[in-house]
Amino acid sequence: MKRAALVMLLLAASPASAADPVAIVEDAKGKLDVDFMDYVEAGRVVKLGANDELVLGYLRSCWRETIKGGTVTVGAEQSAVAGGTVRREKMQCDGAKMRLSSDQAAKSGVMVFRAPPRPGQAPAAEMTIFGVSPVLDIKGGGRVTIARLDRPDEPFTLDVPAQQLTRGSFFDLAKAGHALAAGGTYRLSIGDRQIVFKVDTEAQPGQGPLLSRLIRL
């Protein structure tokens, strides 16, 4: 019992700021105080009934946890589970480069400077996704432009009103019937926000694991 309590304490006292999300809820079954596609921060405690189930995707470590019953304490890279069971799977995701949301980046006070690309050279990708149809975190919606940078393809634009977003933030290109090219480098823009990303050469089609396809702006 003492050892379990110590593990929970160490997880909660991680280097990640308590205000910053470390995981996303991929599924929630039962009467829980978290819901599908909620972000959760380190130190968050979620209590599950015996038949309740919670699926968490960790943004940095790329662990996907399926938890049944018990009390869950969210850590920086994985959960501590008391009185329940947990199954962990390692997902393909770019956890080290998972982009902060706009207000998180502002709070961090960190500014990144990159050398401009040489003429004819595509800009360096800021992250890699492992599915050809990304899930976009674009709170509020707007006009989304996706331009391929490593070859002269025509960019395409999507008008995504807020009512088409899941939980007011998320837009799944797989559900909308859009797929990018495996191995391609793209710039995604919406309003004054943009990110350059690469689609892995072995990226899979369809509605694959969320952690493998999530892009946060």
N, C-alpha and C. Protein backbone atom coordinates (compact mmCIF):
# COMPACT_ATOMS: atom_id res chain seq x y z
N MET A 1 0.82 -1.20 0.00
CA MET A 1 0.00 0.00 0.00
C MET A 1 0.86 1.26 0.00
N LYS A 2 1.93 1.25 0.84
CA LYS A 2 2.81 2.42 0.89
C LYS A 2 3.51 2.63 -0.44
N ARG A 3 3.90 1.50 -1.08
CA ARG A 3 4.60 1.60 -2.36
C ARG A 3 3.68 2.21 -3.43
N ALA A 4 2.41 1.78 -3.46
CA ALA A 4 1.45 2.32 -4.44
C ALA A 4 1.25 3.81 -4.23
N ALA A 5 1.17 4.23 -2.96
CA ALA A 5 1.00 5.65 -2.67
C ALA A 5 2.20 6.46 -3.11
N LEU A 6 3.41 5.88 -2.93
CA LEU A 6 4.64 6.56 -3.34
C LEU A 6 4.68 6.72 -4.86
N VAL A 7 4.29 5.67 -5.60
CA VAL A 7 4.26 5.74 -7.06
C VAL A 7 3.33 6.85 -7.52
N MET A 8 2.14 6.93 -6.92
CA MET A 8 1.19 7.98 -7.27
C MET A 8 1.77 9.37 -7.03
N LEU A 9 2.44 9.52 -5.89
CA LEU A 9 3.02 10.81 -5.55
C LEU A 9 4.10 11.20 -6.55
N LEU A 10 4.94 10.26 -6.93
CA LEU A 10 6.01 10.56 -7.88
C LEU A 10 5.46 10.91 -9.25
N LEU A 11 4.41 10.22 -9.68
CA LEU A 11 3.80 10.52 -10.97
C LEU A 11 3.19 11.91 -10.97
N ALA A 12 2.51 12.23 -9.89
CA ALA A 12 1.86 13.55 -9.82
C ALA A 12 2.88 14.66 -9.75
N ALA A 13 4.05 14.40 -9.15
CA ALA A 13 5.07 15.43 -8.99
C ALA A 13 6.05 15.41 -10.14
N SER A 14 5.56 15.19 -11.35
CA SER A 14 6.41 15.12 -12.54
C SER A 14 6.84 16.49 -12.98
N PRO A 15 7.85 16.58 -13.91
CA PRO A 15 8.30 17.87 -14.41
C PRO A 15 7.23 18.61 -15.19
N ALA A 16 6.23 17.89 -15.75
CA ALA A 16 5.19 18.56 -16.52
C ALA A 16 4.39 19.47 -15.62
N SER A 17 4.06 20.63 -16.12
CA SER A 17 3.25 21.56 -15.34
C SER A 17 1.88 20.97 -15.13
N ALA A 18 1.32 21.15 -13.92
CA ALA A 18 0.00 20.62 -13.61
C ALA A 18 -1.06 21.23 -14.51
N ALA A 19 -0.79 22.41 -15.07
CA ALA A 19 -1.77 23.08 -15.91
C ALA A 19 -1.76 22.57 -17.35
N ASP A 20 -0.71 21.88 -17.75
CA ASP A 20 -0.57 21.44 -19.13
C ASP A 20 -1.12 20.02 -19.29
N PRO A 21 -1.89 19.76 -20.34
CA PRO A 21 -2.40 18.40 -20.54
C PRO A 21 -1.28 17.44 -20.90
N VAL A 22 -1.37 16.24 -20.37
CA VAL A 22 -0.37 15.22 -20.67
C VAL A 22 -0.99 14.03 -21.40
N ALA A 23 -2.32 13.94 -21.40
CA ALA A 23 -3.00 12.81 -22.03
C ALA A 23 -4.35 13.26 -22.56
N ILE A 24 -4.92 12.44 -23.44
CA ILE A 24 -6.23 12.71 -24.00
C ILE A 24 -7.10 11.47 -23.80
N VAL A 25 -8.37 11.70 -23.50
CA VAL A 25 -9.32 10.61 -23.29
C VAL A 25 -9.77 10.09 -24.65
N GLU A 26 -9.42 8.86 -24.98
CA GLU A 26 -9.81 8.26 -26.25
C GLU A 26 -11.14 7.53 -26.16
N ASP A 27 -11.53 7.16 -24.94
CA ASP A 27 -12.84 6.53 -24.75
C ASP A 27 -13.16 6.58 -23.26
N ALA A 28 -14.44 6.67 -22.95
CA ALA A 28 -14.89 6.71 -21.56
C ALA A 28 -16.25 6.03 -21.47
N LYS A 29 -16.32 4.98 -20.68
CA LYS A 29 -17.57 4.24 -20.52
C LYS A 29 -17.94 4.19 -19.04
N GLY A 30 -19.14 4.67 -18.74
CA GLY A 30 -19.58 4.72 -17.36
C GLY A 30 -19.81 6.14 -16.90
N LYS A 31 -20.12 6.31 -15.64
CA LYS A 31 -20.38 7.63 -15.07
C LYS A 31 -19.07 8.22 -14.55
N LEU A 32 -18.30 8.79 -15.47
CA LEU A 32 -17.00 9.35 -15.13
C LEU A 32 -17.05 10.87 -15.19
N ASP A 33 -16.08 11.52 -14.54
CA ASP A 33 -16.04 12.99 -14.60
C ASP A 33 -15.12 13.47 -15.71
N VAL A 34 -14.77 12.58 -16.64
CA VAL A 34 -14.08 12.95 -17.87
C VAL A 34 -14.85 12.36 -19.04
N ASP A 35 -14.66 12.92 -20.23
CA ASP A 35 -15.42 12.48 -21.39
C ASP A 35 -14.49 12.30 -22.58
N PHE A 36 -15.03 11.71 -23.63
CA PHE A 36 -14.30 11.47 -24.88
C PHE A 36 -13.66 12.76 -25.38
N MET A 37 -12.37 12.70 -25.70
CA MET A 37 -11.57 13.79 -26.25
C MET A 37 -11.25 14.90 -25.26
N ASP A 38 -11.47 14.66 -23.97
CA ASP A 38 -10.99 15.61 -22.96
C ASP A 38 -9.47 15.47 -22.82
N TYR A 39 -8.78 16.61 -22.65
CA TYR A 39 -7.39 16.58 -22.23
C TYR A 39 -7.36 16.50 -20.70
N VAL A 40 -6.38 15.78 -20.16
CA VAL A 40 -6.21 15.69 -18.71
C VAL A 40 -4.78 16.03 -18.35
N GLU A 41 -4.62 16.60 -17.17
CA GLU A 41 -3.31 17.05 -16.72
C GLU A 41 -2.74 16.07 -15.69
N ALA A 42 -1.43 16.15 -15.48
CA ALA A 42 -0.78 15.30 -14.48
C ALA A 42 -1.34 15.61 -13.10
N GLY A 43 -1.59 14.57 -12.33
CA GLY A 43 -2.14 14.72 -11.00
C GLY A 43 -3.65 14.56 -10.95
N ARG A 44 -4.31 14.55 -12.10
CA ARG A 44 -5.76 14.37 -12.15
C ARG A 44 -6.13 12.98 -11.63
N VAL A 45 -7.15 12.90 -10.80
CA VAL A 45 -7.63 11.62 -10.26
C VAL A 45 -9.01 11.34 -10.83
N VAL A 46 -9.19 10.15 -11.39
CA VAL A 46 -10.47 9.73 -11.95
C VAL A 46 -10.87 8.42 -11.28
N LYS A 47 -12.09 8.39 -10.72
CA LYS A 47 -12.58 7.19 -10.05
C LYS A 47 -13.53 6.44 -10.98
N LEU A 48 -13.26 5.15 -11.14
CA LEU A 48 -14.06 4.29 -12.00
C LEU A 48 -14.82 3.27 -11.18
N GLY A 49 -16.08 3.02 -11.57
CA GLY A 49 -16.81 1.92 -10.98
C GLY A 49 -16.28 0.60 -11.50
N ALA A 50 -16.78 -0.49 -10.93
CA ALA A 50 -16.26 -1.81 -11.28
C ALA A 50 -16.41 -2.12 -12.76
N ASN A 51 -17.47 -1.61 -13.39
CA ASN A 51 -17.71 -1.89 -14.81
C ASN A 51 -17.36 -0.72 -15.72
N ASP A 52 -16.77 0.33 -15.17
CA ASP A 52 -16.40 1.50 -15.98
C ASP A 52 -15.07 1.24 -16.69
N GLU A 53 -14.90 1.95 -17.81
CA GLU A 53 -13.66 1.79 -18.59
C GLU A 53 -13.19 3.16 -19.08
N LEU A 54 -11.89 3.36 -19.03
CA LEU A 54 -11.27 4.61 -19.46
C LEU A 54 -10.08 4.29 -20.35
N VAL A 55 -10.01 4.93 -21.51
CA VAL A 55 -8.87 4.77 -22.40
C VAL A 55 -8.15 6.11 -22.50
N LEU A 56 -6.89 6.12 -22.11
CA LEU A 56 -6.08 7.34 -22.12
C LEU A 56 -4.94 7.19 -23.13
N GLY A 57 -4.69 8.25 -23.89
CA GLY A 57 -3.53 8.30 -24.77
C GLY A 57 -2.57 9.35 -24.27
N TYR A 58 -1.34 8.95 -23.93
CA TYR A 58 -0.36 9.88 -23.38
C TYR A 58 0.40 10.58 -24.51
N LEU A 59 0.39 11.91 -24.48
CA LEU A 59 0.91 12.72 -25.57
C LEU A 59 2.42 12.63 -25.72
N ARG A 60 3.13 12.46 -24.63
CA ARG A 60 4.59 12.46 -24.68
C ARG A 60 5.18 11.06 -24.79
N SER A 61 4.67 10.13 -24.00
CA SER A 61 5.24 8.78 -23.98
C SER A 61 4.64 7.87 -25.04
N CYS A 62 3.49 8.26 -25.60
CA CYS A 62 2.79 7.46 -26.62
C CYS A 62 2.20 6.16 -26.07
N TRP A 63 2.05 6.05 -24.74
CA TRP A 63 1.36 4.90 -24.17
C TRP A 63 -0.15 5.10 -24.34
N ARG A 64 -0.83 4.03 -24.74
CA ARG A 64 -2.30 4.01 -24.79
C ARG A 64 -2.76 3.01 -23.73
N GLU A 65 -3.51 3.51 -22.76
CA GLU A 65 -3.91 2.69 -21.61
C GLU A 65 -5.41 2.41 -21.66
N THR A 66 -5.77 1.16 -21.47
CA THR A 66 -7.17 0.77 -21.30
C THR A 66 -7.33 0.34 -19.85
N ILE A 67 -8.10 1.11 -19.10
CA ILE A 67 -8.20 0.93 -17.65
C ILE A 67 -9.63 0.53 -17.29
N LYS A 68 -9.76 -0.50 -16.48
CA LYS A 68 -11.07 -0.96 -16.03
C LYS A 68 -11.13 -0.94 -14.52
N GLY A 69 -12.08 -0.15 -13.98
CA GLY A 69 -12.29 -0.08 -12.55
C GLY A 69 -11.16 0.62 -11.81
N GLY A 70 -11.38 0.87 -10.52
CA GLY A 70 -10.34 1.42 -9.66
C GLY A 70 -10.23 2.93 -9.70
N THR A 71 -9.14 3.41 -9.13
CA THR A 71 -8.84 4.84 -9.06
C THR A 71 -7.59 5.12 -9.90
N VAL A 72 -7.72 6.07 -10.81
CA VAL A 72 -6.64 6.39 -11.75
C VAL A 72 -6.03 7.73 -11.37
N THR A 73 -4.73 7.76 -11.19
CA THR A 73 -4.00 9.01 -11.01
C THR A 73 -3.13 9.23 -12.24
N VAL A 74 -3.41 10.32 -12.95
CA VAL A 74 -2.72 10.62 -14.19
C VAL A 74 -1.30 11.08 -13.89
N GLY A 75 -0.33 10.48 -14.57
CA GLY A 75 1.07 10.89 -14.41
C GLY A 75 1.55 11.63 -15.63
N ALA A 76 2.85 11.88 -15.70
CA ALA A 76 3.41 12.59 -16.85
C ALA A 76 3.46 11.71 -18.09
N GLU A 77 3.72 10.40 -17.89
CA GLU A 77 3.89 9.50 -19.03
C GLU A 77 3.05 8.24 -18.94
N GLN A 78 2.49 7.94 -17.76
CA GLN A 78 1.57 6.83 -17.62
C GLN A 78 0.81 7.01 -16.31
N SER A 79 -0.23 6.19 -16.14
CA SER A 79 -1.09 6.33 -14.97
C SER A 79 -0.70 5.37 -13.86
N ALA A 80 -1.05 5.74 -12.63
CA ALA A 80 -1.02 4.81 -11.50
C ALA A 80 -2.46 4.37 -11.26
N VAL A 81 -2.70 3.08 -11.22
CA VAL A 81 -4.05 2.54 -11.09
C VAL A 81 -4.12 1.70 -9.82
N ALA A 82 -5.04 2.06 -8.92
CA ALA A 82 -5.24 1.32 -7.67
C ALA A 82 -6.62 0.69 -7.70
N GLY A 83 -6.68 -0.61 -7.47
CA GLY A 83 -7.96 -1.30 -7.39
C GLY A 83 -8.60 -1.62 -8.72
N GLY A 84 -7.85 -1.47 -9.80
CA GLY A 84 -8.38 -1.78 -11.13
C GLY A 84 -7.31 -2.44 -11.97
N THR A 85 -7.60 -2.62 -13.25
CA THR A 85 -6.63 -3.24 -14.16
C THR A 85 -6.29 -2.26 -15.27
N VAL A 86 -5.06 -2.37 -15.81
CA VAL A 86 -4.63 -1.49 -16.89
C VAL A 86 -3.87 -2.31 -17.92
N ARG A 87 -4.18 -2.07 -19.18
CA ARG A 87 -3.44 -2.68 -20.29
C ARG A 87 -2.81 -1.56 -21.10
N ARG A 88 -1.50 -1.64 -21.31
CA ARG A 88 -0.77 -0.58 -22.02
C ARG A 88 -0.29 -1.08 -23.38
N GLU A 89 -0.44 -0.20 -24.37
CA GLU A 89 0.08 -0.47 -25.71
C GLU A 89 0.91 0.73 -26.15
N LYS A 90 2.05 0.48 -26.74
CA LYS A 90 2.89 1.56 -27.26
C LYS A 90 2.43 1.90 -28.67
N MET A 91 2.01 3.15 -28.86
CA MET A 91 1.54 3.61 -30.15
C MET A 91 2.67 4.30 -30.91
N GLN A 92 2.53 4.37 -32.24
CA GLN A 92 3.42 5.20 -33.03
C GLN A 92 2.92 6.64 -32.92
N CYS A 93 3.72 7.50 -32.34
CA CYS A 93 3.36 8.91 -32.28
C CYS A 93 4.62 9.73 -32.07
N ASP A 94 4.54 11.00 -32.41
CA ASP A 94 5.69 11.89 -32.29
C ASP A 94 5.60 12.61 -30.95
N GLY A 95 5.65 11.83 -29.87
CA GLY A 95 5.42 12.39 -28.56
C GLY A 95 6.38 13.50 -28.18
N ALA A 96 7.65 13.37 -28.60
CA ALA A 96 8.64 14.37 -28.23
C ALA A 96 8.36 15.72 -28.89
N LYS A 97 7.56 15.71 -29.98
CA LYS A 97 7.31 16.95 -30.71
C LYS A 97 5.83 17.30 -30.78
N MET A 98 5.01 16.65 -29.92
CA MET A 98 3.59 16.97 -29.93
C MET A 98 3.41 18.45 -29.63
N ARG A 99 2.79 19.17 -30.56
CA ARG A 99 2.74 20.62 -30.48
C ARG A 99 1.85 21.10 -29.35
N LEU A 100 2.32 22.14 -28.65
CA LEU A 100 1.50 22.79 -27.63
C LEU A 100 0.39 23.59 -28.30
N SER A 101 -0.72 23.72 -27.59
CA SER A 101 -1.77 24.61 -28.07
C SER A 101 -1.28 26.04 -27.95
N SER A 102 -1.98 26.98 -28.57
CA SER A 102 -1.51 28.36 -28.64
C SER A 102 -1.31 28.97 -27.27
N ASP A 103 -2.30 28.79 -26.36
CA ASP A 103 -2.18 29.44 -25.05
C ASP A 103 -1.12 28.75 -24.20
N GLN A 104 -0.90 27.45 -24.42
CA GLN A 104 0.16 26.76 -23.69
C GLN A 104 1.53 27.28 -24.13
N ALA A 105 1.69 27.46 -25.43
CA ALA A 105 2.97 27.96 -25.95
C ALA A 105 3.25 29.34 -25.39
N ALA A 106 2.21 30.17 -25.28
CA ALA A 106 2.40 31.51 -24.74
C ALA A 106 2.84 31.44 -23.29
N LYS A 107 2.26 30.49 -22.53
CA LYS A 107 2.62 30.37 -21.12
C LYS A 107 4.04 29.84 -20.94
N SER A 108 4.48 29.02 -21.89
CA SER A 108 5.80 28.42 -21.72
C SER A 108 6.93 29.42 -21.87
N GLY A 109 6.69 30.50 -22.63
CA GLY A 109 7.72 31.52 -22.82
C GLY A 109 8.85 31.06 -23.70
N VAL A 110 8.65 29.97 -24.46
CA VAL A 110 9.71 29.42 -25.30
C VAL A 110 9.47 29.84 -26.74
N MET A 111 10.51 30.30 -27.41
CA MET A 111 10.42 30.65 -28.82
C MET A 111 11.47 29.85 -29.57
N VAL A 112 11.05 29.23 -30.67
CA VAL A 112 11.95 28.39 -31.45
C VAL A 112 12.32 29.11 -32.73
N PHE A 113 13.63 29.19 -33.03
CA PHE A 113 14.10 29.82 -34.26
C PHE A 113 14.66 28.74 -35.17
N ARG A 114 14.23 28.71 -36.43
CA ARG A 114 14.71 27.74 -37.39
C ARG A 114 15.36 28.45 -38.56
N ALA A 115 16.42 27.86 -39.08
CA ALA A 115 17.06 28.42 -40.27
C ALA A 115 16.10 28.29 -41.45
N PRO A 116 16.00 29.32 -42.30
CA PRO A 116 15.11 29.23 -43.45
C PRO A 116 15.60 28.17 -44.42
N PRO A 117 14.66 27.46 -45.11
CA PRO A 117 15.08 26.44 -46.07
C PRO A 117 15.79 27.04 -47.26
N ARG A 118 16.65 26.27 -47.90
CA ARG A 118 17.31 26.70 -49.12
C ARG A 118 16.30 26.75 -50.26
N PRO A 119 16.57 27.55 -51.30
CA PRO A 119 15.64 27.62 -52.43
C PRO A 119 15.36 26.22 -52.99
N GLY A 120 14.05 25.93 -53.19
CA GLY A 120 13.65 24.64 -53.72
C GLY A 120 13.56 23.53 -52.68
N GLN A 121 13.91 23.85 -51.44
CA GLN A 121 13.89 22.84 -50.38
C GLN A 121 12.66 23.06 -49.50
N ALA A 122 11.96 21.98 -49.19
CA ALA A 122 10.79 22.07 -48.32
C ALA A 122 11.24 22.39 -46.89
N PRO A 123 10.46 23.20 -46.14
CA PRO A 123 10.81 23.48 -44.75
C PRO A 123 10.86 22.19 -43.93
N ALA A 124 11.65 22.20 -42.89
CA ALA A 124 11.74 21.02 -42.02
C ALA A 124 10.43 20.81 -41.29
N ALA A 125 10.01 19.56 -41.21
CA ALA A 125 8.77 19.23 -40.51
C ALA A 125 8.95 19.40 -39.00
N GLU A 126 7.91 19.93 -38.37
CA GLU A 126 7.94 20.10 -36.92
C GLU A 126 7.49 18.84 -36.19
N MET A 127 6.76 17.96 -36.88
CA MET A 127 6.32 16.71 -36.28
C MET A 127 5.97 15.73 -37.39
N THR A 128 5.82 14.47 -37.02
CA THR A 128 5.45 13.41 -37.94
C THR A 128 4.17 12.75 -37.46
N ILE A 129 3.26 12.45 -38.40
CA ILE A 129 2.08 11.67 -38.06
C ILE A 129 2.18 10.31 -38.75
N PHE A 130 1.44 9.34 -38.23
CA PHE A 130 1.56 7.96 -38.69
C PHE A 130 0.26 7.42 -39.27
N GLY A 131 -0.64 8.33 -39.64
CA GLY A 131 -1.85 7.98 -40.36
C GLY A 131 -2.01 9.00 -41.47
N VAL A 132 -2.57 8.59 -42.62
CA VAL A 132 -2.65 9.52 -43.75
C VAL A 132 -3.79 10.53 -43.61
N SER A 133 -4.68 10.31 -42.63
CA SER A 133 -5.78 11.24 -42.39
C SER A 133 -5.69 11.76 -40.96
N PRO A 134 -5.09 12.93 -40.76
CA PRO A 134 -4.89 13.43 -39.39
C PRO A 134 -6.18 13.83 -38.71
N VAL A 135 -6.11 13.87 -37.37
CA VAL A 135 -7.16 14.46 -36.54
C VAL A 135 -6.64 15.82 -36.11
N LEU A 136 -7.38 16.88 -36.43
CA LEU A 136 -6.93 18.24 -36.15
C LEU A 136 -7.60 18.79 -34.90
N ASP A 137 -6.81 19.34 -34.01
CA ASP A 137 -7.33 20.06 -32.84
C ASP A 137 -7.33 21.54 -33.21
N ILE A 138 -8.49 22.03 -33.67
CA ILE A 138 -8.61 23.40 -34.18
C ILE A 138 -9.80 24.07 -33.50
N LYS A 139 -9.69 24.32 -32.23
CA LYS A 139 -10.80 24.84 -31.44
C LYS A 139 -11.49 26.01 -32.13
N GLY A 140 -12.80 25.90 -32.27
CA GLY A 140 -13.59 26.97 -32.88
C GLY A 140 -13.78 26.83 -34.38
N GLY A 141 -12.91 26.03 -35.04
CA GLY A 141 -13.03 25.83 -36.48
C GLY A 141 -12.53 27.00 -37.29
N GLY A 142 -12.85 27.00 -38.58
CA GLY A 142 -12.40 28.05 -39.49
C GLY A 142 -12.00 27.46 -40.82
N ARG A 143 -11.29 28.25 -41.63
CA ARG A 143 -10.84 27.79 -42.94
C ARG A 143 -9.47 27.13 -42.80
N VAL A 144 -9.41 25.86 -43.13
CA VAL A 144 -8.19 25.07 -43.03
C VAL A 144 -7.58 24.92 -44.42
N THR A 145 -6.30 25.24 -44.55
CA THR A 145 -5.59 25.05 -45.80
C THR A 145 -4.45 24.07 -45.58
N ILE A 146 -4.38 23.06 -46.44
CA ILE A 146 -3.32 22.06 -46.36
C ILE A 146 -2.56 22.07 -47.69
N ALA A 147 -1.29 22.45 -47.63
CA ALA A 147 -0.46 22.58 -48.84
C ALA A 147 0.70 21.62 -48.77
N ARG A 148 0.90 20.85 -49.84
CA ARG A 148 2.06 19.96 -49.89
C ARG A 148 3.29 20.77 -50.27
N LEU A 149 4.40 20.53 -49.57
CA LEU A 149 5.59 21.34 -49.75
C LEU A 149 6.71 20.63 -50.51
N ASP A 150 6.69 19.31 -50.57
CA ASP A 150 7.80 18.58 -51.18
C ASP A 150 7.56 18.25 -52.65
N ARG A 151 6.39 18.67 -53.18
CA ARG A 151 6.11 18.53 -54.60
C ARG A 151 5.02 19.54 -54.97
N PRO A 152 4.92 19.92 -56.23
CA PRO A 152 4.02 21.03 -56.61
C PRO A 152 2.56 20.61 -56.78
N ASP A 153 1.96 20.07 -55.71
CA ASP A 153 0.55 19.76 -55.74
C ASP A 153 -0.27 20.99 -55.38
N GLU A 154 -1.50 21.03 -55.84
CA GLU A 154 -2.39 22.13 -55.49
C GLU A 154 -2.82 21.98 -54.02
N PRO A 155 -2.76 23.07 -53.24
CA PRO A 155 -3.27 23.00 -51.87
C PRO A 155 -4.79 22.82 -51.89
N PHE A 156 -5.33 22.27 -50.82
CA PHE A 156 -6.79 22.22 -50.74
C PHE A 156 -7.25 22.88 -49.45
N THR A 157 -8.46 23.40 -49.52
CA THR A 157 -9.02 24.20 -48.42
C THR A 157 -10.32 23.57 -47.95
N LEU A 158 -10.50 23.56 -46.64
CA LEU A 158 -11.72 23.06 -46.03
C LEU A 158 -12.30 24.13 -45.13
N ASP A 159 -13.57 24.43 -45.29
CA ASP A 159 -14.26 25.30 -44.35
C ASP A 159 -14.89 24.42 -43.28
N VAL A 160 -14.41 24.57 -42.06
CA VAL A 160 -14.85 23.70 -40.97
C VAL A 160 -15.56 24.55 -39.92
N PRO A 161 -16.90 24.62 -39.98
CA PRO A 161 -17.63 25.39 -38.96
C PRO A 161 -17.58 24.69 -37.61
N ALA A 162 -17.79 25.45 -36.57
CA ALA A 162 -17.67 24.92 -35.22
C ALA A 162 -18.61 23.74 -34.99
N GLN A 163 -19.78 23.74 -35.62
CA GLN A 163 -20.74 22.67 -35.38
C GLN A 163 -20.31 21.33 -35.96
N GLN A 164 -19.29 21.34 -36.80
CA GLN A 164 -18.76 20.08 -37.36
C GLN A 164 -17.64 19.50 -36.50
N LEU A 165 -17.26 20.20 -35.47
CA LEU A 165 -16.16 19.75 -34.63
C LEU A 165 -16.66 18.85 -33.51
N THR A 166 -15.90 17.82 -33.19
CA THR A 166 -16.18 16.98 -32.04
C THR A 166 -15.70 17.70 -30.78
N ARG A 167 -16.59 17.83 -29.81
CA ARG A 167 -16.28 18.53 -28.55
C ARG A 167 -15.78 19.94 -28.79
N GLY A 168 -16.20 20.56 -29.89
CA GLY A 168 -15.87 21.95 -30.17
C GLY A 168 -14.44 22.20 -30.63
N SER A 169 -13.66 21.11 -30.85
CA SER A 169 -12.25 21.29 -31.19
C SER A 169 -11.73 20.37 -32.29
N PHE A 170 -12.25 19.16 -32.40
CA PHE A 170 -11.57 18.12 -33.17
C PHE A 170 -12.26 17.83 -34.50
N PHE A 171 -11.44 17.74 -35.56
CA PHE A 171 -11.93 17.43 -36.89
C PHE A 171 -11.11 16.29 -37.45
N ASP A 172 -11.80 15.18 -37.79
CA ASP A 172 -11.13 13.97 -38.27
C ASP A 172 -11.22 13.92 -39.78
N LEU A 173 -10.07 14.05 -40.45
CA LEU A 173 -10.07 14.01 -41.91
C LEU A 173 -10.48 12.65 -42.45
N ALA A 174 -10.29 11.58 -41.68
CA ALA A 174 -10.72 10.26 -42.13
C ALA A 174 -12.24 10.21 -42.24
N LYS A 175 -12.93 10.74 -41.26
CA LYS A 175 -14.40 10.76 -41.30
C LYS A 175 -14.91 11.64 -42.43
N ALA A 176 -14.14 12.67 -42.77
CA ALA A 176 -14.54 13.59 -43.84
C ALA A 176 -14.12 13.08 -45.21
N GLY A 177 -13.43 11.93 -45.27
CA GLY A 177 -13.07 11.33 -46.53
C GLY A 177 -11.83 11.91 -47.19
N HIS A 178 -10.92 12.51 -46.40
CA HIS A 178 -9.71 13.10 -46.95
C HIS A 178 -8.48 12.32 -46.49
N ALA A 179 -7.57 12.08 -47.42
CA ALA A 179 -6.32 11.38 -47.11
C ALA A 179 -5.16 12.12 -47.76
N LEU A 180 -4.04 12.18 -47.06
CA LEU A 180 -2.81 12.77 -47.58
C LEU A 180 -1.91 11.65 -48.11
N ALA A 181 -0.79 12.03 -48.67
CA ALA A 181 0.12 11.05 -49.25
C ALA A 181 1.16 10.61 -48.23
N ALA A 182 1.33 9.31 -48.07
CA ALA A 182 2.39 8.80 -47.19
C ALA A 182 3.74 9.30 -47.70
N GLY A 183 4.55 9.80 -46.79
CA GLY A 183 5.87 10.33 -47.15
C GLY A 183 5.87 11.80 -47.49
N GLY A 184 4.69 12.41 -47.61
CA GLY A 184 4.62 13.83 -47.99
C GLY A 184 4.87 14.77 -46.82
N THR A 185 5.32 15.99 -47.16
CA THR A 185 5.50 17.06 -46.17
C THR A 185 4.47 18.14 -46.47
N TYR A 186 3.76 18.61 -45.44
CA TYR A 186 2.64 19.52 -45.62
C TYR A 186 2.72 20.70 -44.65
N ARG A 187 2.09 21.81 -45.09
CA ARG A 187 1.85 22.93 -44.17
C ARG A 187 0.35 23.03 -43.95
N LEU A 188 -0.03 23.01 -42.68
CA LEU A 188 -1.43 23.16 -42.28
C LEU A 188 -1.60 24.55 -41.70
N SER A 189 -2.56 25.31 -42.23
CA SER A 189 -2.79 26.68 -41.76
C SER A 189 -4.25 26.87 -41.43
N ILE A 190 -4.50 27.62 -40.35
CA ILE A 190 -5.84 28.06 -40.01
C ILE A 190 -5.70 29.39 -39.27
N GLY A 191 -6.26 30.45 -39.86
CA GLY A 191 -6.07 31.78 -39.28
C GLY A 191 -4.60 32.13 -39.23
N ASP A 192 -4.12 32.56 -38.07
CA ASP A 192 -2.72 32.91 -37.92
C ASP A 192 -1.88 31.77 -37.34
N ARG A 193 -2.47 30.57 -37.31
CA ARG A 193 -1.77 29.40 -36.79
C ARG A 193 -1.35 28.50 -37.95
N GLN A 194 -0.18 27.92 -37.85
CA GLN A 194 0.26 26.98 -38.86
C GLN A 194 1.29 26.02 -38.29
N ILE A 195 1.42 24.88 -38.97
CA ILE A 195 2.42 23.90 -38.57
C ILE A 195 2.84 23.13 -39.82
N VAL A 196 4.12 22.79 -39.90
CA VAL A 196 4.64 21.96 -40.98
C VAL A 196 4.83 20.55 -40.41
N PHE A 197 4.25 19.57 -41.10
CA PHE A 197 4.33 18.20 -40.59
C PHE A 197 4.62 17.23 -41.73
N LYS A 198 5.10 16.07 -41.36
CA LYS A 198 5.41 15.01 -42.33
C LYS A 198 4.50 13.82 -42.06
N VAL A 199 4.06 13.19 -43.14
CA VAL A 199 3.32 11.94 -43.04
C VAL A 199 4.32 10.80 -43.21
N ASP A 200 4.38 9.92 -42.24
CA ASP A 200 5.36 8.83 -42.28
C ASP A 200 5.18 8.00 -43.56
N THR A 201 6.29 7.46 -44.06
CA THR A 201 6.24 6.70 -45.31
C THR A 201 5.38 5.44 -45.20
N GLU A 202 5.18 4.95 -43.98
CA GLU A 202 4.36 3.76 -43.77
C GLU A 202 3.06 4.11 -43.05
N ALA A 203 2.62 5.36 -43.17
CA ALA A 203 1.39 5.79 -42.52
C ALA A 203 0.20 4.98 -43.03
N GLN A 204 -0.71 4.67 -42.11
CA GLN A 204 -1.84 3.81 -42.42
C GLN A 204 -3.10 4.62 -42.76
N PRO A 205 -3.97 4.08 -43.61
CA PRO A 205 -5.22 4.77 -43.95
C PRO A 205 -6.28 4.58 -42.87
N GLY A 206 -7.34 5.38 -42.98
CA GLY A 206 -8.51 5.20 -42.13
C GLY A 206 -8.37 5.80 -40.75
N GLN A 207 -9.32 5.40 -39.88
CA GLN A 207 -9.40 5.93 -38.52
C GLN A 207 -8.52 5.11 -37.58
N GLY A 208 -7.22 5.28 -37.74
CA GLY A 208 -6.27 4.59 -36.88
C GLY A 208 -6.20 5.22 -35.51
N PRO A 209 -5.27 4.78 -34.66
CA PRO A 209 -5.14 5.30 -33.30
C PRO A 209 -5.00 6.83 -33.27
N LEU A 210 -5.71 7.44 -32.34
CA LEU A 210 -5.71 8.91 -32.24
C LEU A 210 -4.31 9.46 -32.05
N LEU A 211 -3.51 8.83 -31.18
CA LEU A 211 -2.18 9.35 -30.90
C LEU A 211 -1.30 9.38 -32.15
N SER A 212 -1.57 8.49 -33.10
CA SER A 212 -0.77 8.42 -34.32
C SER A 212 -1.14 9.50 -35.33
N ARG A 213 -2.30 10.15 -35.12
CA ARG A 213 -2.83 11.07 -36.14
C ARG A 213 -3.09 12.48 -35.63
N LEU A 214 -2.93 12.70 -34.34
CA LEU A 214 -3.34 13.99 -33.74
C LEU A 214 -2.35 15.11 -34.08
N ILE A 215 -2.90 16.24 -34.55
CA ILE A 215 -2.13 17.47 -34.75
C ILE A 215 -2.80 18.56 -33.94
N ARG A 216 -2.05 19.18 -33.04
CA ARG A 216 -2.59 20.23 -32.17
C ARG A 216 -2.07 21.58 -32.64
N LEU A 217 -2.99 22.50 -32.87
CA LEU A 217 -2.60 23.85 -33.23
C LEU A 217 -2.97 24.82 -32.11
